[in-house]
Protein backbone atom coordinates (compact mmCIF):
# COMPACT_ATOMS: atom_id res chain seq x y z
CA MET A 1 2.01 -2.03 11.86
CA GLY A 2 5.61 -2.23 13.18
CA ARG A 3 8.09 -3.96 11.07
CA SER A 4 6.65 -7.49 10.06
CA GLN A 5 9.76 -8.62 8.58
CA SER A 6 10.76 -8.47 12.43
CA LEU A 7 8.48 -11.22 13.19
CA PRO A 8 9.22 -15.00 13.38
CA ARG A 9 7.49 -16.85 10.48
CA GLY A 10 5.79 -20.20 11.51
CA GLY A 11 7.72 -22.62 13.75
CA ASP A 12 5.66 -22.25 16.91
CA PRO A 13 3.89 -25.66 17.53
CA ARG A 14 1.35 -24.07 19.58
CA PHE A 15 -0.70 -22.46 16.89
CA GLY A 16 -1.46 -23.54 13.51
CA PRO A 17 -4.54 -24.01 11.11
CA ASP A 18 -6.45 -26.26 13.23
CA GLY A 19 -7.10 -24.45 16.51
CA ASP A 20 -10.33 -23.43 18.27
CA ASP A 21 -11.69 -20.69 15.87
CA SER A 22 -15.20 -20.36 17.50
CA GLY A 23 -14.42 -17.25 18.98
CA SER A 24 -12.12 -16.21 16.08
CA PRO A 25 -14.11 -14.55 13.49
CA ILE A 26 -11.70 -11.57 11.66
CA LEU A 27 -9.64 -13.07 9.01
CA HIS A 28 -6.73 -11.27 7.53
CA VAL A 29 -5.82 -12.49 4.05
CA ASP A 30 -2.52 -11.42 2.78
CA MET A 31 -1.23 -12.05 -1.04
CA ASP A 32 2.23 -13.92 -1.10
CA ALA A 33 5.08 -11.60 -2.51
CA PHE A 34 2.20 -10.39 -4.42
CA TYR A 35 3.95 -8.08 -7.41
CA ALA A 36 6.39 -10.59 -7.92
CA SER A 37 3.97 -13.49 -7.86
CA VAL A 38 1.84 -11.46 -10.90
CA GLU A 39 5.22 -11.62 -12.49
CA VAL A 40 6.00 -15.39 -12.08
CA ARG A 41 2.22 -16.09 -13.02
CA ARG A 42 2.58 -14.43 -16.48
CA ARG A 43 6.03 -15.53 -16.96
CA PRO A 44 6.49 -19.25 -15.71
CA GLU A 45 9.86 -19.60 -16.60
CA LEU A 46 10.82 -17.48 -13.78
CA ARG A 47 9.25 -19.88 -11.34
CA GLY A 48 11.87 -20.82 -8.66
CA ARG A 49 13.96 -17.81 -9.90
CA PRO A 50 14.81 -15.02 -7.65
CA VAL A 51 12.44 -12.35 -8.74
CA VAL A 52 12.90 -8.54 -7.76
CA VAL A 53 9.96 -5.67 -8.50
CA GLY A 54 10.82 -1.89 -8.52
CA GLY A 55 12.40 1.12 -10.15
CA VAL A 56 15.05 0.03 -12.17
CA GLY A 57 16.82 3.10 -12.32
CA PRO A 58 19.77 3.80 -10.18
CA ARG A 59 17.96 5.36 -7.47
CA GLY A 60 14.90 2.63 -7.34
CA VAL A 61 13.70 1.07 -4.71
CA VAL A 62 12.16 -2.45 -4.06
CA SER A 63 8.46 -2.57 -4.44
CA ALA A 64 8.25 -6.48 -3.96
CA ALA A 65 10.78 -9.40 -3.99
CA SER A 66 9.96 -13.20 -4.47
CA TYR A 67 10.66 -15.41 -1.59
CA GLU A 68 13.87 -16.80 -3.62
CA ALA A 69 15.05 -13.24 -3.41
CA ARG A 70 14.50 -12.44 0.39
CA ARG A 71 16.72 -15.54 1.25
CA TYR A 72 19.50 -13.10 -0.24
CA GLY A 73 18.31 -10.65 1.85
CA VAL A 74 16.39 -8.55 -0.44
CA ARG A 75 13.39 -6.65 1.22
CA SER A 76 10.86 -4.35 0.03
CA ALA A 77 11.37 -0.53 0.46
CA MET A 78 15.27 -1.28 -0.01
CA PRO A 79 17.37 0.62 -2.35
CA ILE A 80 17.36 -1.31 -5.65
CA MET A 81 21.29 -0.73 -5.90
CA ARG A 82 21.50 -2.64 -2.34
CA ALA A 83 19.52 -5.31 -3.80
CA ARG A 84 21.64 -5.96 -7.11
CA ALA A 85 24.50 -6.09 -4.46
CA LEU A 86 23.01 -8.56 -2.46
CA CYS A 87 21.41 -10.75 -5.35
CA PRO A 88 23.11 -9.62 -8.63
CA HIS A 89 21.60 -12.94 -10.43
CA ALA A 90 17.88 -11.99 -9.58
CA VAL A 91 15.51 -10.82 -12.47
CA TYR A 92 14.72 -7.12 -12.02
CA LEU A 93 11.41 -6.03 -13.56
CA PRO A 94 9.87 -2.75 -13.49
CA PRO A 95 6.30 -2.46 -11.83
CA ASP A 96 3.27 -3.25 -14.08
CA PHE A 97 0.17 -1.49 -11.49
CA ALA A 98 -2.33 -2.35 -14.16
CA GLN A 99 -1.54 -6.01 -13.82
CA TYR A 100 -1.26 -5.97 -10.29
CA THR A 101 -4.68 -3.89 -9.90
CA ALA A 102 -6.55 -6.69 -12.08
CA ALA A 103 -5.29 -9.25 -10.03
CA SER A 104 -6.29 -7.30 -6.99
CA ARG A 105 -9.78 -7.00 -8.05
CA ALA A 106 -10.24 -10.39 -8.81
CA VAL A 107 -8.80 -11.60 -5.41
CA MET A 108 -11.21 -9.02 -3.67
CA GLN A 109 -14.19 -10.36 -5.25
CA ILE A 110 -13.47 -13.94 -3.98
CA LEU A 111 -13.37 -12.35 -0.63
CA ARG A 112 -16.67 -10.71 -1.22
CA ASP A 113 -18.31 -13.97 -2.27
CA VAL A 114 -17.86 -14.82 1.24
CA THR A 115 -18.92 -11.95 3.05
CA PRO A 116 -19.73 -8.19 2.31
CA LEU A 117 -17.74 -7.43 5.33
CA VAL A 118 -14.25 -6.97 3.63
CA GLU A 119 -12.22 -3.95 3.97
CA PRO A 120 -8.99 -3.86 1.65
CA LEU A 121 -5.83 -2.33 3.10
CA SER A 122 -4.05 -2.25 -0.07
CA LEU A 123 -3.80 -4.30 -3.58
CA ASP A 124 -2.47 -7.33 -1.47
CA GLU A 125 -4.29 -7.67 1.81
CA ALA A 126 -7.59 -7.03 3.46
CA PHE A 127 -9.77 -8.08 6.62
CA LEU A 128 -12.82 -9.81 6.58
CA ASP A 129 -15.61 -10.58 9.33
CA VAL A 130 -17.24 -14.00 8.68
CA ALA A 131 -19.40 -14.26 11.48
CA GLY A 132 -22.26 -13.92 9.80
CA ALA A 133 -20.96 -16.31 6.65
CA ARG A 134 -21.00 -19.51 9.36
CA ARG A 135 -24.18 -20.98 8.31
CA LEU A 136 -23.43 -20.83 4.55
CA PHE A 137 -19.67 -21.73 4.51
CA GLY A 138 -18.84 -22.99 7.72
CA PRO A 139 -16.32 -22.09 10.83
CA PRO A 140 -13.50 -19.08 10.05
CA ALA A 141 -10.88 -21.60 9.40
CA GLU A 142 -12.48 -23.53 6.86
CA ILE A 143 -13.55 -20.16 5.12
CA ALA A 144 -9.91 -19.51 5.05
CA ARG A 145 -9.07 -22.58 3.45
CA GLY A 146 -11.81 -22.29 0.93
CA ILE A 147 -10.30 -18.75 0.03
CA ARG A 148 -6.70 -19.96 -0.15
CA ALA A 149 -8.11 -22.86 -2.69
CA ARG A 150 -9.94 -20.53 -4.83
CA VAL A 151 -7.11 -17.84 -5.09
CA ALA A 152 -4.62 -20.66 -5.81
CA GLU A 153 -7.02 -22.34 -8.16
CA GLU A 154 -8.68 -19.42 -9.98
CA GLN A 155 -5.71 -16.98 -9.82
CA GLY A 156 -2.56 -18.94 -9.61
CA LEU A 157 -1.35 -17.01 -6.51
CA THR A 158 -0.97 -18.02 -2.94
CA CYS A 159 -2.05 -16.00 0.05
CA SER A 160 -1.65 -16.12 3.99
CA VAL A 161 -4.39 -16.06 6.54
CA GLY A 162 -4.61 -15.41 9.99
CA VAL A 163 -7.43 -16.36 12.03
CA ALA A 164 -8.33 -14.40 15.04
CA PRO A 165 -10.78 -12.56 17.47
CA SER A 166 -9.53 -9.09 16.47
CA LYS A 167 -7.88 -7.34 13.42
CA PHE A 168 -4.51 -6.60 15.00
CA VAL A 169 -4.04 -10.26 16.35
CA ALA A 170 -5.36 -11.71 12.58
CA LYS A 171 -2.93 -9.37 10.66
CA LEU A 172 -0.22 -10.61 13.15
CA GLY A 173 -1.58 -14.54 12.55
CA SER A 174 -1.50 -14.06 8.97
CA THR A 175 2.23 -12.56 8.94
CA ARG A 176 3.62 -15.39 11.02
CA ALA A 177 1.94 -18.01 8.39
CA LYS A 178 3.82 -17.10 5.37
CA PRO A 179 4.35 -17.78 2.84
CA ASP A 180 1.33 -19.95 1.62
CA GLY A 181 -0.08 -20.71 5.22
CA LEU A 182 -3.27 -20.50 7.63
CA LEU A 183 -2.78 -19.67 11.20
CA VAL A 184 -5.71 -19.75 13.81
CA VAL A 185 -5.17 -18.08 17.36
CA PRO A 186 -7.98 -19.05 19.69
CA ALA A 187 -9.73 -16.13 21.65
CA ASP A 188 -8.24 -17.88 24.79
CA ARG A 189 -5.01 -18.20 23.80
CA VAL A 190 -4.40 -14.45 22.56
CA LEU A 191 -1.92 -13.82 25.18
CA ASP A 192 -0.10 -16.64 24.82
CA PHE A 193 0.65 -15.61 21.04
CA LEU A 194 1.27 -12.41 21.56
CA ARG A 195 3.97 -12.32 24.85
CA PRO A 196 6.54 -13.84 23.12
CA LEU A 197 6.76 -11.60 20.19
CA PRO A 198 9.13 -8.46 19.51
CA VAL A 199 7.58 -4.95 20.79
CA ASP A 200 7.92 -3.74 17.09
CA ALA A 201 5.12 -6.20 16.15
CA LEU A 202 3.04 -3.98 17.74
CA TRP A 203 0.83 -1.07 15.58
CA GLY A 204 2.49 2.25 16.12
CA VAL A 205 5.47 1.19 17.23
CA GLY A 206 8.60 2.37 14.86
CA GLU A 207 12.18 2.00 14.95
CA ARG A 208 12.46 5.18 17.47
CA SER A 209 9.92 3.78 20.17
CA ALA A 210 11.05 0.20 19.73
CA GLU A 211 14.59 1.62 20.65
CA THR A 212 13.16 3.40 23.27
CA LEU A 213 11.08 0.36 24.57
CA ARG A 214 14.10 -1.81 24.55
CA ARG A 215 16.24 0.92 26.66
CA LEU A 216 13.61 0.34 29.23
CA GLY A 217 14.15 -3.34 29.15
CA LEU A 218 10.85 -3.95 27.53
CA ALA A 219 11.90 -6.02 24.34
CA THR A 220 8.57 -8.18 24.01
CA ILE A 221 5.10 -7.59 23.93
CA GLY A 222 4.93 -9.57 27.54
CA ASP A 223 7.33 -7.11 28.82
CA LEU A 224 5.38 -4.18 28.01
CA ALA A 225 2.01 -5.54 29.02
CA GLU A 226 3.19 -6.07 32.51
CA ALA A 227 5.02 -2.63 32.52
CA PRO A 228 3.95 0.28 35.11
CA ARG A 229 1.45 2.46 33.10
CA GLY A 230 3.35 5.05 34.66
CA MET A 231 6.88 4.32 32.87
CA LEU A 232 5.27 3.88 29.55
CA ARG A 233 3.52 7.39 29.80
CA LYS A 234 6.60 9.05 30.68
CA ALA A 235 8.55 7.42 27.88
CA LEU A 236 6.02 7.46 25.27
CA GLY A 237 3.18 10.10 26.10
CA GLU A 238 -0.12 9.60 27.34
CA ALA A 239 -2.18 8.42 24.19
CA ALA A 240 0.50 6.24 22.41
CA ALA A 241 1.11 4.58 26.09
CA ALA A 242 -2.57 3.83 26.43
CA HIS A 243 -2.74 2.74 22.92
CA LEU A 244 0.05 0.01 22.93
CA HIS A 245 -1.00 -0.91 26.69
CA GLU A 246 -4.30 -1.99 25.40
CA LEU A 247 -2.78 -4.08 22.10
CA ALA A 248 -0.42 -5.47 24.37
CA TRP A 249 -3.35 -7.10 26.07
CA GLY A 250 -4.75 -8.26 22.93
CA ARG A 251 -7.58 -5.68 23.32
CA ASP A 252 -8.56 -4.13 19.69
CA PRO A 253 -12.20 -3.09 19.35
CA ARG A 254 -11.82 -1.92 15.79
CA ARG A 255 -14.66 -3.47 13.43
CA VAL A 256 -14.06 -4.35 9.79
CA SER A 257 -15.27 -1.37 8.05
CA PRO A 258 -15.92 -2.19 4.31
CA GLU A 259 -16.47 1.35 3.33
CA GLN A 260 -13.13 2.77 3.21
CA VAL A 261 -12.87 6.25 1.40
CA GLU A 262 -9.67 7.29 -0.11
CA LYS A 263 -8.72 10.54 1.50
CA SER A 264 -6.35 11.49 -1.26
CA ILE A 265 -5.05 10.12 -4.68
CA GLY A 266 -1.25 10.97 -5.80
CA ALA A 267 1.59 9.85 -7.77
CA GLU A 268 5.27 10.81 -7.45
CA VAL A 269 8.70 9.87 -9.19
CA THR A 270 12.45 9.74 -8.25
CA PHE A 271 14.54 10.85 -11.06
CA ASP A 272 17.54 8.67 -11.83
CA ALA A 273 19.71 11.84 -11.91
CA ASP A 274 19.16 15.01 -9.82
CA VAL A 275 17.33 17.49 -12.21
CA ALA A 276 17.76 21.22 -12.37
CA ASP A 277 16.38 22.05 -16.21
CA PRO A 278 12.49 23.40 -15.36
CA LEU A 279 11.40 22.27 -18.62
CA GLU A 280 12.09 18.58 -17.27
CA ILE A 281 10.45 19.17 -14.00
CA ARG A 282 7.45 21.03 -15.71
CA ARG A 283 7.44 17.59 -17.79
CA ALA A 284 7.23 15.54 -14.92
CA LEU A 285 4.67 17.38 -13.17
CA LEU A 286 2.42 16.97 -16.31
CA ALA A 287 3.00 13.44 -16.36
CA LEU A 288 2.13 13.10 -12.73
CA ALA A 289 -0.88 15.10 -12.93
CA GLU A 290 -1.95 13.09 -16.13
CA LYS A 291 -1.78 9.69 -13.83
CA VAL A 292 -3.54 11.39 -10.83
CA GLY A 293 -6.10 12.46 -13.14
CA ALA A 294 -6.87 9.13 -14.51
CA ARG A 295 -6.94 7.30 -11.06
CA LEU A 296 -9.55 10.01 -10.23
CA ARG A 297 -11.68 9.20 -12.84
CA ARG A 298 -11.15 5.68 -12.85
CA ALA A 299 -12.49 5.66 -9.05
CA GLY A 300 -15.37 8.11 -9.90
CA GLN A 301 -13.87 10.93 -7.42
CA VAL A 302 -12.82 14.60 -8.07
CA GLY A 303 -10.93 16.61 -5.28
CA ARG A 304 -10.47 20.38 -4.26
CA THR A 305 -6.89 20.64 -2.86
CA VAL A 306 -3.67 20.17 -5.21
CA SER A 307 -0.57 19.42 -3.24
CA ILE A 308 2.86 19.07 -4.71
CA LYS A 309 6.01 17.57 -2.79
CA VAL A 310 9.45 18.40 -3.85
CA ARG A 311 12.90 16.41 -2.45
CA THR A 312 16.18 18.23 -3.57
CA ALA A 313 19.33 16.49 -4.12
CA ASP A 314 20.56 17.24 -0.36
CA PHE A 315 16.96 15.42 0.64
CA ARG A 316 15.37 18.39 1.91
CA THR A 317 11.69 17.96 1.31
CA VAL A 318 9.09 20.64 1.21
CA SER A 319 5.42 20.61 0.17
CA ARG A 320 2.79 23.14 -0.98
CA SER A 321 -0.79 23.13 -1.32
CA ARG A 322 -3.77 25.04 -2.97
CA THR A 323 -7.28 24.71 -2.75
CA LEU A 324 -9.63 25.12 -5.84
CA ASP A 325 -13.07 26.92 -5.77
CA VAL A 326 -14.67 24.00 -7.35
CA ALA A 327 -13.74 20.09 -7.04
CA THR A 328 -12.05 18.69 -10.55
CA ASP A 329 -10.63 15.42 -11.99
CA THR A 330 -9.18 17.22 -14.97
CA ALA A 331 -5.49 16.43 -15.28
CA ARG A 332 -4.92 19.97 -16.96
CA GLU A 333 -6.28 21.82 -13.78
CA MET A 334 -4.31 19.93 -11.69
CA PHE A 335 -1.10 20.55 -13.53
CA ASP A 336 -1.62 24.23 -13.95
CA THR A 337 -1.96 24.51 -10.24
CA ALA A 338 0.77 22.13 -9.58
CA TRP A 339 3.24 24.47 -11.60
CA ALA A 340 2.09 27.36 -10.27
CA LEU A 341 2.79 25.87 -6.48
CA TYR A 342 6.35 24.99 -8.00
CA THR A 343 7.13 28.25 -9.46
CA VAL A 344 6.33 30.11 -6.38
CA LEU A 345 8.26 27.68 -4.45
CA ASP A 346 11.30 28.03 -6.49
CA PRO A 347 13.47 26.09 -4.55
CA GLY A 348 16.50 26.99 -6.58
CA GLU A 349 18.26 23.59 -6.27
CA ARG A 350 18.69 20.42 -8.16
CA ILE A 351 15.60 18.25 -7.75
CA ARG A 352 15.57 14.50 -6.51
CA LEU A 353 11.80 13.64 -6.54
CA VAL A 354 8.58 15.43 -7.29
CA GLY A 355 5.06 14.48 -6.47
CA VAL A 356 1.52 15.54 -7.22
CA ARG A 357 -1.42 14.90 -4.98
CA MET A 358 -5.08 15.50 -4.91
CA GLU A 359 -6.72 15.88 -1.73
CA GLY A 360 -10.31 16.57 -0.23
CA LEU A 361 -12.07 13.91 -2.35
CA ALA A 362 -15.60 13.61 -3.06
CA PRO A 363 -17.81 11.62 -5.61
CA ALA A 364 -17.81 12.90 -9.10
CA GLY A 365 -21.60 13.01 -8.96
CA GLU A 366 -22.37 14.67 -6.02
CA THR A 367 -19.98 17.69 -6.78
CA PRO A 368 -20.84 20.63 -8.97
CA GLN A 369 -18.58 21.08 -12.04
CA GLN A 370 -16.47 24.13 -12.84
CA LEU A 371 -18.34 26.60 -15.31
CA THR A 372 -16.18 29.17 -17.15
CA LEU A 373 -17.39 32.18 -18.93
CA GLY A 374 -16.82 31.83 -22.68
CA ALA A 375 -15.47 28.48 -22.58
CA PRO A 376 -15.98 25.88 -25.24
CA GLU A 377 -19.01 23.49 -25.05
CA ARG A 378 -16.41 20.56 -25.10
CA GLY A 379 -13.03 21.07 -23.24
CA TRP A 380 -10.18 19.42 -21.08
CA ARG A 381 -12.52 17.10 -19.20
CA GLU A 382 -14.05 15.53 -22.44
CA ALA A 383 -10.60 15.30 -24.03
CA GLU A 384 -9.28 13.61 -21.18
CA ALA A 385 -12.24 11.25 -21.24
CA VAL A 386 -11.41 10.14 -24.80
CA ALA A 387 -7.86 9.55 -23.76
CA ASP A 388 -8.96 7.30 -20.91
CA ALA A 389 -11.14 5.41 -23.27
CA ALA A 390 -8.11 5.04 -25.72
CA ALA A 391 -5.77 4.15 -22.71
CA ALA A 392 -8.13 1.36 -21.82
CA ARG A 393 -8.25 -0.10 -25.23
CA PHE A 394 -4.79 0.40 -26.34
CA GLY A 395 -2.59 1.35 -23.59
CA ARG A 396 -1.96 4.92 -22.00
CA SER A 397 1.24 5.59 -23.83
CA VAL A 398 -0.85 5.64 -27.07
CA ILE A 399 -2.21 9.26 -26.19
CA GLY A 400 -1.73 12.40 -24.15
CA PRO A 401 -0.41 15.62 -24.36
CA ALA A 402 2.34 16.34 -27.36
CA SER A 403 4.87 17.42 -24.98
CA LEU A 404 5.17 14.28 -23.21
CA LEU A 405 5.39 12.00 -26.50
CA GLY A 406 8.04 9.69 -26.20
CA ARG A 407 8.63 10.45 -22.62
CA ARG A 408 5.69 9.22 -20.71
CA ASP A 409 7.90 8.06 -17.59
CA PRO A 410 9.94 10.96 -16.59
CA GLY A 411 11.92 9.51 -14.16
CA ARG A 412 11.62 5.78 -15.05
CA ASN A 413 11.11 5.27 -11.04
CA GLU A 414 7.91 5.85 -10.14
CA ASN A 415 6.97 5.21 -6.53
CA PRO A 416 4.37 2.33 -6.21
CA PRO A 417 1.12 4.19 -5.24
CA ARG A 418 -0.29 3.58 -1.45
CA PRO A 419 -3.38 4.10 0.13
């Protein structure tokens, strides 16, 4: 998706919540300022105040900003120091992903009560195909209104919904409906809806390609739709030109796919200050392996390929990976491999960021476990399962490797996990 912040919000009288939805069975539900809204829900005294969620250290980034903070120019992915300069009086909070995940599960269950055809994109947004739900719940716009009412009543949160013939247009619709709105795009008015929008609203158009298109005089989706295909191919390449031409004409054949299998699970941390001490980096890798292992077990997944990412003080980023003989969900095995990869890499510079990721995922029950000659009957996997149970009851900080006691968050600026 392009930079949705460039899209105009609301204000188009031709489109609203009461359009003809008979040919628009796709819904895109997008929670409003989700992380910030969850924080306000549990701290009602913050309602109406600018709230920013993100890494609290000097190198943190904004994960979410309330609409009150956005009025001062604060945006997600902005450096936290820039946000503080723009809005020094905001309330700045570190992210609490356990709370956001719990809220997300509750919202997704509301969506699945309507239809099994729910495709989550992240914690705070999902596509639905409600074509088969009409007999029970009414037309798509009515279903959207019901979802918004339940989310507000049961979760104390607001969401915006786009109703359209396709996923691409529905997502644009929810963006334009924000905050706390509903927008219907009738099937016979898709082109009217798309044509005035900027080209960077198209999936696959980033900053560079948007600049390329603007240099060609193509500022809007309508401009791109009417552009000669040969000119687009020359500027963007065959595949990108064909993709964008189809979207500009409102053609998006992708179906809502409820079975979205994660391809990898990872975590990374940006240090408050550049780190050269190998012991500090080792602790960080161990803490990240612990987080990845817990997420794997929670998802019922194992993986075979361990990868690390290292970003040096001069912003040079390198990564290395190694495939294990047998898949695992054990943090100790991931850490041993990650540390071996790091020592071989030996960047020889101060480190700004490190990350650990497990790839090549498969369901845990369908994958054979590693058997080691002479290994004790109970090992790391059982110990980590006990730690998971304790963490579920008392919090992750109460149990873990002794080397991490008192240092559970090595850099205090963990980057938010994304699918």
